[in-house]
Amino acid sequence: MNRMPKARYTKEVREEAVKLAEAVVASEASRRLSIPLKTLTNWLRISKAGKLEEIDRNQKLQTELETELQRVKRELAGDISL
């Protein structure tokens, strides 16, 4: 079964979501913004640790790794089919 791709949120969206969640309860902010509650609570936890900015770097690295993995898979599939 194929998984749905993870949603990517901009830095601004994350920051605004955290501000809203701090003003109201996280479940209400999650509902208003249509962001999964687990995602928002993770952002709140990361924000309290002062590391919300690190998410962008981690997402970029993950995207690069996923791209490289797909390239290697295609390359291997080509070698096997010969």
PDB file of N, CA and C in Angstrom:
ATOM      1  N   MET A   1       0.841  -1.177   0.000  1.00  0.00           N
ATOM      2  CA  MET A   1       0.000   0.000   0.000  1.00  0.00           C
ATOM      3  C   MET A   1       0.889   1.243   0.000  1.00  0.00           C
ATOM      4  N   ASN A   2       0.598   2.168  -0.891  1.00  0.00           N
ATOM      5  CA  ASN A   2       1.370   3.413  -0.971  1.00  0.00           C
ATOM      6  C   ASN A   2       0.919   4.382   0.105  1.00  0.00           C
ATOM      7  N   ARG A   3       1.895   5.022   0.716  1.00  0.00           N
ATOM      8  CA  ARG A   3       1.578   6.033   1.728  1.00  0.00           C
ATOM      9  C   ARG A   3       1.356   7.364   1.045  1.00  0.00           C
ATOM     10  N   MET A   4       0.515   8.166   1.653  1.00  0.00           N
ATOM     11  CA  MET A   4       0.320   9.519   1.138  1.00  0.00           C
ATOM     12  C   MET A   4       1.557  10.327   1.484  1.00  0.00           C
ATOM     13  N   PRO A   5       1.954  11.234   0.596  1.00  0.00           N
ATOM     14  CA  PRO A   5       3.126  12.050   0.914  1.00  0.00           C
ATOM     15  C   PRO A   5       2.845  12.942   2.119  1.00  0.00           C
ATOM     16  N   LYS A   6       3.884  13.170   2.893  1.00  0.00           N
ATOM     17  CA  LYS A   6       3.741  14.045   4.054  1.00  0.00           C
ATOM     18  C   LYS A   6       3.510  15.473   3.587  1.00  0.00           C
ATOM     19  N   ALA A   7       2.660  16.164   4.322  1.00  0.00           N
ATOM     20  CA  ALA A   7       2.420  17.568   4.009  1.00  0.00           C
ATOM     21  C   ALA A   7       3.654  18.369   4.388  1.00  0.00           C
ATOM     22  N   ARG A   8       3.972  19.346   3.587  1.00  0.00           N
ATOM     23  CA  ARG A   8       5.096  20.238   3.879  1.00  0.00           C
ATOM     24  C   ARG A   8       4.509  21.597   4.255  1.00  0.00           C
ATOM     25  N   TYR A   9       4.937  22.112   5.375  1.00  0.00           N
ATOM     26  CA  TYR A   9       4.436  23.391   5.857  1.00  0.00           C
ATOM     27  C   TYR A   9       5.572  24.399   5.856  1.00  0.00           C
ATOM     28  N   THR A  10       5.248  25.626   5.479  1.00  0.00           N
ATOM     29  CA  THR A  10       6.266  26.671   5.474  1.00  0.00           C
ATOM     30  C   THR A  10       6.594  27.076   6.908  1.00  0.00           C
ATOM     31  N   LYS A  11       7.715  27.736   7.042  1.00  0.00           N
ATOM     32  CA  LYS A  11       8.137  28.240   8.350  1.00  0.00           C
ATOM     33  C   LYS A  11       7.071  29.171   8.922  1.00  0.00           C
ATOM     34  N   GLU A  12       6.506  30.012   8.061  1.00  0.00           N
ATOM     35  CA  GLU A  12       5.497  30.973   8.507  1.00  0.00           C
ATOM     36  C   GLU A  12       4.251  30.265   9.027  1.00  0.00           C
ATOM     37  N   VAL A  13       3.821  29.225   8.333  1.00  0.00           N
ATOM     38  CA  VAL A  13       2.642  28.474   8.768  1.00  0.00           C
ATOM     39  C   VAL A  13       2.905  27.840  10.131  1.00  0.00           C
ATOM     40  N   ARG A  14       4.070  27.238  10.294  1.00  0.00           N
ATOM     41  CA  ARG A  14       4.402  26.616  11.585  1.00  0.00           C
ATOM     42  C   ARG A  14       4.409  27.650  12.707  1.00  0.00           C
ATOM     43  N   GLU A  15       5.034  28.804  12.450  1.00  0.00           N
ATOM     44  CA  GLU A  15       5.112  29.840  13.485  1.00  0.00           C
ATOM     45  C   GLU A  15       3.728  30.360  13.853  1.00  0.00           C
ATOM     46  N   GLU A  16       2.892  30.613  12.858  1.00  0.00           N
ATOM     47  CA  GLU A  16       1.539  31.107  13.128  1.00  0.00           C
ATOM     48  C   GLU A  16       0.703  30.052  13.847  1.00  0.00           C
ATOM     49  N   ALA A  17       0.871  28.800  13.472  1.00  0.00           N
ATOM     50  CA  ALA A  17       0.127  27.720  14.125  1.00  0.00           C
ATOM     51  C   ALA A  17       0.521  27.611  15.595  1.00  0.00           C
ATOM     52  N   VAL A  18       1.806  27.733  15.874  1.00  0.00           N
ATOM     53  CA  VAL A  18       2.281  27.675  17.260  1.00  0.00           C
ATOM     54  C   VAL A  18       1.721  28.853  18.053  1.00  0.00           C
ATOM     55  N   LYS A  19       1.737  30.048  17.474  1.00  0.00           N
ATOM     56  CA  LYS A  19       1.177  31.223  18.167  1.00  0.00           C
ATOM     57  C   LYS A  19      -0.299  31.020  18.482  1.00  0.00           C
ATOM     58  N   LEU A  20      -1.045  30.515  17.494  1.00  0.00           N
ATOM     59  CA  LEU A  20      -2.472  30.285  17.716  1.00  0.00           C
ATOM     60  C   LEU A  20      -2.684  29.223  18.789  1.00  0.00           C
ATOM     61  N   ALA A  21      -1.916  28.157  18.740  1.00  0.00           N
ATOM     62  CA  ALA A  21      -2.055  27.079  19.724  1.00  0.00           C
ATOM     63  C   ALA A  21      -1.715  27.553  21.131  1.00  0.00           C
ATOM     64  N   GLU A  22      -0.833  28.531  21.232  1.00  0.00           N
ATOM     65  CA  GLU A  22      -0.501  29.087  22.546  1.00  0.00           C
ATOM     66  C   GLU A  22      -1.603  30.018  23.043  1.00  0.00           C
ATOM     67  N   ALA A  23      -2.362  30.606  22.106  1.00  0.00           N
ATOM     68  CA  ALA A  23      -3.447  31.512  22.476  1.00  0.00           C
ATOM     69  C   ALA A  23      -4.729  30.748  22.819  1.00  0.00           C
ATOM     70  N   VAL A  24      -4.979  29.671  22.105  1.00  0.00           N
ATOM     71  CA  VAL A  24      -6.135  28.808  22.372  1.00  0.00           C
ATOM     72  C   VAL A  24      -5.570  27.408  22.622  1.00  0.00           C
ATOM     73  N   VAL A  25      -6.405  26.452  22.891  1.00  0.00           N
ATOM     74  CA  VAL A  25      -5.892  25.090  23.091  1.00  0.00           C
ATOM     75  C   VAL A  25      -5.434  24.507  21.756  1.00  0.00           C
ATOM     76  N   ALA A  26      -4.482  23.589  21.817  1.00  0.00           N
ATOM     77  CA  ALA A  26      -3.898  23.015  20.600  1.00  0.00           C
ATOM     78  C   ALA A  26      -4.951  22.339  19.728  1.00  0.00           C
ATOM     79  N   SER A  27      -5.905  21.662  20.342  1.00  0.00           N
ATOM     80  CA  SER A  27      -6.929  20.969  19.546  1.00  0.00           C
ATOM     81  C   SER A  27      -7.771  21.959  18.749  1.00  0.00           C
ATOM     82  N   GLU A  28      -8.058  23.114  19.328  1.00  0.00           N
ATOM     83  CA  GLU A  28      -8.824  24.146  18.615  1.00  0.00           C
ATOM     84  C   GLU A  28      -8.000  24.725  17.468  1.00  0.00           C
ATOM     85  N   ALA A  29      -6.730  25.006  17.710  1.00  0.00           N
ATOM     86  CA  ALA A  29      -5.857  25.523  16.652  1.00  0.00           C
ATOM     87  C   ALA A  29      -5.725  24.498  15.531  1.00  0.00           C
ATOM     88  N   SER A  30      -5.591  23.251  15.891  1.00  0.00           N
ATOM     89  CA  SER A  30      -5.487  22.173  14.909  1.00  0.00           C
ATOM     90  C   SER A  30      -6.731  22.129  14.027  1.00  0.00           C
ATOM     91  N   ARG A  31      -7.885  22.223  14.644  1.00  0.00           N
ATOM     92  CA  ARG A  31      -9.147  22.193  13.907  1.00  0.00           C
ATOM     93  C   ARG A  31      -9.274  23.401  12.991  1.00  0.00           C
ATOM     94  N   ARG A  32      -8.983  24.586  13.512  1.00  0.00           N
ATOM     95  CA  ARG A  32      -9.104  25.819  12.719  1.00  0.00           C
ATOM     96  C   ARG A  32      -8.181  25.818  11.507  1.00  0.00           C
ATOM     97  N   LEU A  33      -6.995  25.282  11.677  1.00  0.00           N
ATOM     98  CA  LEU A  33      -5.987  25.338  10.615  1.00  0.00           C
ATOM     99  C   LEU A  33      -5.929  24.068   9.763  1.00  0.00           C
ATOM    100  N   SER A  34      -6.734  23.079  10.128  1.00  0.00           N
ATOM    101  CA  SER A  34      -6.732  21.786   9.418  1.00  0.00           C
ATOM    102  C   SER A  34      -5.335  21.164   9.387  1.00  0.00           C
ATOM    103  N   ILE A  35      -4.679  21.230  10.527  1.00  0.00           N
ATOM    104  CA  ILE A  35      -3.359  20.623  10.701  1.00  0.00           C
ATOM    105  C   ILE A  35      -3.537  19.494  11.708  1.00  0.00           C
ATOM    106  N   PRO A  36      -2.994  18.315  11.433  1.00  0.00           N
ATOM    107  CA  PRO A  36      -3.139  17.219  12.402  1.00  0.00           C
ATOM    108  C   PRO A  36      -2.660  17.635  13.797  1.00  0.00           C
ATOM    109  N   LEU A  37      -3.425  17.234  14.799  1.00  0.00           N
ATOM    110  CA  LEU A  37      -3.096  17.599  16.179  1.00  0.00           C
ATOM    111  C   LEU A  37      -1.703  17.125  16.562  1.00  0.00           C
ATOM    112  N   LYS A  38      -1.332  15.928  16.161  1.00  0.00           N
ATOM    113  CA  LYS A  38      -0.005  15.388  16.488  1.00  0.00           C
ATOM    114  C   LYS A  38       1.091  16.281  15.905  1.00  0.00           C
ATOM    115  N   THR A  39       0.885  16.752  14.680  1.00  0.00           N
ATOM    116  CA  THR A  39       1.862  17.641  14.039  1.00  0.00           C
ATOM    117  C   THR A  39       1.998  18.931  14.839  1.00  0.00           C
ATOM    118  N   LEU A  40       0.872  19.509  15.193  1.00  0.00           N
ATOM    119  CA  LEU A  40       0.891  20.770  15.937  1.00  0.00           C
ATOM    120  C   LEU A  40       1.514  20.597  17.320  1.00  0.00           C
ATOM    121  N   THR A  41       1.195  19.515  18.008  1.00  0.00           N
ATOM    122  CA  THR A  41       1.800  19.320  19.333  1.00  0.00           C
ATOM    123  C   THR A  41       3.305  19.081  19.219  1.00  0.00           C
ATOM    124  N   ASN A  42       3.742  18.447  18.144  1.00  0.00           N
ATOM    125  CA  ASN A  42       5.189  18.307  17.918  1.00  0.00           C
ATOM    126  C   ASN A  42       5.829  19.679  17.732  1.00  0.00           C
ATOM    127  N   TRP A  43       5.192  20.531  16.943  1.00  0.00           N
ATOM    128  CA  TRP A  43       5.731  21.881  16.727  1.00  0.00           C
ATOM    129  C   TRP A  43       5.783  22.657  18.031  1.00  0.00           C
ATOM    130  N   LEU A  44       4.764  22.516  18.861  1.00  0.00           N
ATOM    131  CA  LEU A  44       4.756  23.202  20.159  1.00  0.00           C
ATOM    132  C   LEU A  44       5.926  22.736  21.022  1.00  0.00           C
ATOM    133  N   ARG A  45       6.139  21.431  21.062  1.00  0.00           N
ATOM    134  CA  ARG A  45       7.245  20.873  21.851  1.00  0.00           C
ATOM    135  C   ARG A  45       8.583  21.374  21.320  1.00  0.00           C
ATOM    136  N   ILE A  46       8.745  21.349  20.013  1.00  0.00           N
ATOM    137  CA  ILE A  46       9.992  21.804  19.388  1.00  0.00           C
ATOM    138  C   ILE A  46      10.185  23.301  19.612  1.00  0.00           C
ATOM    139  N   SER A  47       9.103  24.058  19.522  1.00  0.00           N
ATOM    140  CA  SER A  47       9.174  25.507  19.730  1.00  0.00           C
ATOM    141  C   SER A  47       9.606  25.838  21.157  1.00  0.00           C
ATOM    142  N   LYS A  48       9.072  25.119  22.120  1.00  0.00           N
ATOM    143  CA  LYS A  48       9.443  25.362  23.518  1.00  0.00           C
ATOM    144  C   LYS A  48      10.918  25.075  23.758  1.00  0.00           C
ATOM    145  N   ALA A  49      11.477  24.168  22.968  1.00  0.00           N
ATOM    146  CA  ALA A  49      12.909  23.861  23.069  1.00  0.00           C
ATOM    147  C   ALA A  49      13.741  24.862  22.268  1.00  0.00           C
ATOM    148  N   GLY A  50      13.057  25.786  21.565  1.00  0.00           N
ATOM    149  CA  GLY A  50      13.756  26.808  20.789  1.00  0.00           C
ATOM    150  C   GLY A  50      14.354  26.295  19.492  1.00  0.00           C
ATOM    151  N   LYS A  51      13.779  25.236  18.940  1.00  0.00           N
ATOM    152  CA  LYS A  51      14.373  24.619  17.754  1.00  0.00           C
ATOM    153  C   LYS A  51      13.419  24.552  16.565  1.00  0.00           C
ATOM    154  N   LEU A  52      12.409  25.404  16.525  1.00  0.00           N
ATOM    155  CA  LEU A  52      11.432  25.365  15.437  1.00  0.00           C
ATOM    156  C   LEU A  52      12.085  25.636  14.082  1.00  0.00           C
ATOM    157  N   GLU A  53      13.139  26.452  14.060  1.00  0.00           N
ATOM    158  CA  GLU A  53      13.811  26.794  12.805  1.00  0.00           C
ATOM    159  C   GLU A  53      14.524  25.584  12.202  1.00  0.00           C
ATOM    160  N   GLU A  54      14.885  24.622  13.040  1.00  0.00           N
ATOM    161  CA  GLU A  54      15.626  23.455  12.558  1.00  0.00           C
ATOM    162  C   GLU A  54      14.782  22.548  11.671  1.00  0.00           C
ATOM    163  N   ILE A  55      13.475  22.676  11.736  1.00  0.00           N
ATOM    164  CA  ILE A  55      12.603  21.825  10.930  1.00  0.00           C
ATOM    165  C   ILE A  55      12.885  22.021   9.449  1.00  0.00           C
ATOM    166  N   ASP A  56      13.078  23.269   9.005  1.00  0.00           N
ATOM    167  CA  ASP A  56      13.360  23.536   7.591  1.00  0.00           C
ATOM    168  C   ASP A  56      14.607  22.802   7.130  1.00  0.00           C
ATOM    169  N   ARG A  57      15.651  22.868   7.921  1.00  0.00           N
ATOM    170  CA  ARG A  57      16.894  22.182   7.551  1.00  0.00           C
ATOM    171  C   ARG A  57      16.688  20.677   7.480  1.00  0.00           C
ATOM    172  N   ASN A  58      15.963  20.133   8.444  1.00  0.00           N
ATOM    173  CA  ASN A  58      15.715  18.694   8.456  1.00  0.00           C
ATOM    174  C   ASN A  58      14.856  18.267   7.273  1.00  0.00           C
ATOM    175  N   GLN A  59      13.848  19.082   6.921  1.00  0.00           N
ATOM    176  CA  GLN A  59      13.000  18.749   5.783  1.00  0.00           C
ATOM    177  C   GLN A  59      13.792  18.789   4.489  1.00  0.00           C
ATOM    178  N   LYS A  60      14.674  19.767   4.349  1.00  0.00           N
ATOM    179  CA  LYS A  60      15.480  19.865   3.137  1.00  0.00           C
ATOM    180  C   LYS A  60      16.383  18.642   3.010  1.00  0.00           C
ATOM    181  N   LEU A  61      17.018  18.256   4.092  1.00  0.00           N
ATOM    182  CA  LEU A  61      17.887  17.080   4.077  1.00  0.00           C
ATOM    183  C   LEU A  61      17.084  15.825   3.748  1.00  0.00           C
ATOM    184  N   GLN A  62      15.907  15.690   4.344  1.00  0.00           N
ATOM    185  CA  GLN A  62      15.071  14.524   4.080  1.00  0.00           C
ATOM    186  C   GLN A  62      14.668  14.477   2.611  1.00  0.00           C
ATOM    187  N   THR A  63      14.302  15.601   2.035  1.00  0.00           N
ATOM    188  CA  THR A  63      13.932  15.651   0.622  1.00  0.00           C
ATOM    189  C   THR A  63      15.105  15.242  -0.252  1.00  0.00           C
ATOM    190  N   GLU A  64      16.290  15.740   0.069  1.00  0.00           N
ATOM    191  CA  GLU A  64      17.482  15.376  -0.703  1.00  0.00           C
ATOM    192  C   GLU A  64      17.761  13.878  -0.600  1.00  0.00           C
ATOM    193  N   LEU A  65      17.612  13.323   0.594  1.00  0.00           N
ATOM    194  CA  LEU A  65      17.848  11.893   0.787  1.00  0.00           C
ATOM    195  C   LEU A  65      16.812  11.049   0.042  1.00  0.00           C
ATOM    196  N   GLU A  66      15.554  11.486   0.075  1.00  0.00           N
ATOM    197  CA  GLU A  66      14.507  10.761  -0.646  1.00  0.00           C
ATOM    198  C   GLU A  66      14.767  10.783  -2.147  1.00  0.00           C
ATOM    199  N   THR A  67      15.203  11.921  -2.667  1.00  0.00           N
ATOM    200  CA  THR A  67      15.519  12.040  -4.089  1.00  0.00           C
ATOM    201  C   THR A  67      16.665  11.108  -4.458  1.00  0.00           C
ATOM    202  N   GLU A  68      17.693  11.095  -3.645  1.00  0.00           N
ATOM    203  CA  GLU A  68      18.841  10.226  -3.897  1.00  0.00           C
ATOM    204  C   GLU A  68      18.433   8.752  -3.823  1.00  0.00           C
ATOM    205  N   LEU A  69      17.603   8.404  -2.867  1.00  0.00           N
ATOM    206  CA  LEU A  69      17.138   7.028  -2.735  1.00  0.00           C
ATOM    207  C   LEU A  69      16.362   6.597  -3.978  1.00  0.00           C
ATOM    208  N   GLN A  70      15.496   7.456  -4.476  1.00  0.00           N
ATOM    209  CA  GLN A  70      14.742   7.135  -5.689  1.00  0.00           C
ATOM    210  C   GLN A  70      15.676   6.942  -6.880  1.00  0.00           C
ATOM    211  N   ARG A  71      16.699   7.775  -6.985  1.00  0.00           N
ATOM    212  CA  ARG A  71      17.662   7.653  -8.077  1.00  0.00           C
ATOM    213  C   ARG A  71      18.381   6.309  -8.005  1.00  0.00           C
ATOM    214  N   VAL A  72      18.818   5.938  -6.807  1.00  0.00           N
ATOM    215  CA  VAL A  72      19.534   4.674  -6.627  1.00  0.00           C
ATOM    216  C   VAL A  72      18.609   3.492  -6.932  1.00  0.00           C
ATOM    217  N   LYS A  73      17.354   3.574  -6.495  1.00  0.00           N
ATOM    218  CA  LYS A  73      16.401   2.500  -6.779  1.00  0.00           C
ATOM    219  C   LYS A  73      16.205   2.330  -8.280  1.00  0.00           C
ATOM    220  N   ARG A  74      16.065   3.454  -8.992  1.00  0.00           N
ATOM    221  CA  ARG A  74      15.907   3.380 -10.449  1.00  0.00           C
ATOM    222  C   ARG A  74      17.148   2.777 -11.088  1.00  0.00           C
ATOM    223  N   GLU A  75      18.300   3.193 -10.597  1.00  0.00           N
ATOM    224  CA  GLU A  75      19.561   2.681 -11.130  1.00  0.00           C
ATOM    225  C   GLU A  75      19.671   1.174 -10.896  1.00  0.00           C
ATOM    226  N   LEU A  76      19.349   0.732  -9.699  1.00  0.00           N
ATOM    227  CA  LEU A  76      19.402  -0.697  -9.388  1.00  0.00           C
ATOM    228  C   LEU A  76      18.375  -1.487 -10.195  1.00  0.00           C
ATOM    229  N   ALA A  77      17.200  -0.936 -10.363  1.00  0.00           N
ATOM    230  CA  ALA A  77      16.167  -1.616 -11.148  1.00  0.00           C
ATOM    231  C   ALA A  77      16.632  -1.790 -12.588  1.00  0.00           C
ATOM    232  N   GLY A  78      17.344  -0.815 -13.112  1.00  0.00           N
ATOM    233  CA  GLY A  78      17.886  -0.911 -14.465  1.00  0.00           C
ATOM    234  C   GLY A  78      18.948  -1.981 -14.554  1.00  0.00           C
ATOM    235  N   ASP A  79      19.789  -2.108 -13.546  1.00  0.00           N
ATOM    236  CA  ASP A  79      20.850  -3.121 -13.535  1.00  0.00           C
ATOM    237  C   ASP A  79      20.264  -4.527 -13.433  1.00  0.00           C
ATOM    238  N   ILE A  80      19.238  -4.688 -12.643  1.00  0.00           N
ATOM    239  CA  ILE A  80      18.641  -6.005 -12.430  1.00  0.00           C
ATOM    240  C   ILE A  80      17.914  -6.483 -13.686  1.00  0.00           C
ATOM    241  N   SER A  81      17.277  -5.573 -14.394  1.00  0.00           N
ATOM    242  CA  SER A  81      16.497  -5.970 -15.564  1.00  0.00           C
ATOM    243  C   SER A  81      17.371  -6.309 -16.767  1.00  0.00           C
ATOM    244  N   LEU A  82      18.670  -6.029 -16.730  1.00  0.00           N
ATOM    245  CA  LEU A  82      19.555  -6.350 -17.850  1.00  0.00           C
ATOM    246  C   LEU A  82      19.796  -7.778 -17.872  1.00  0.00           C
TER     247      LEU A  82
END
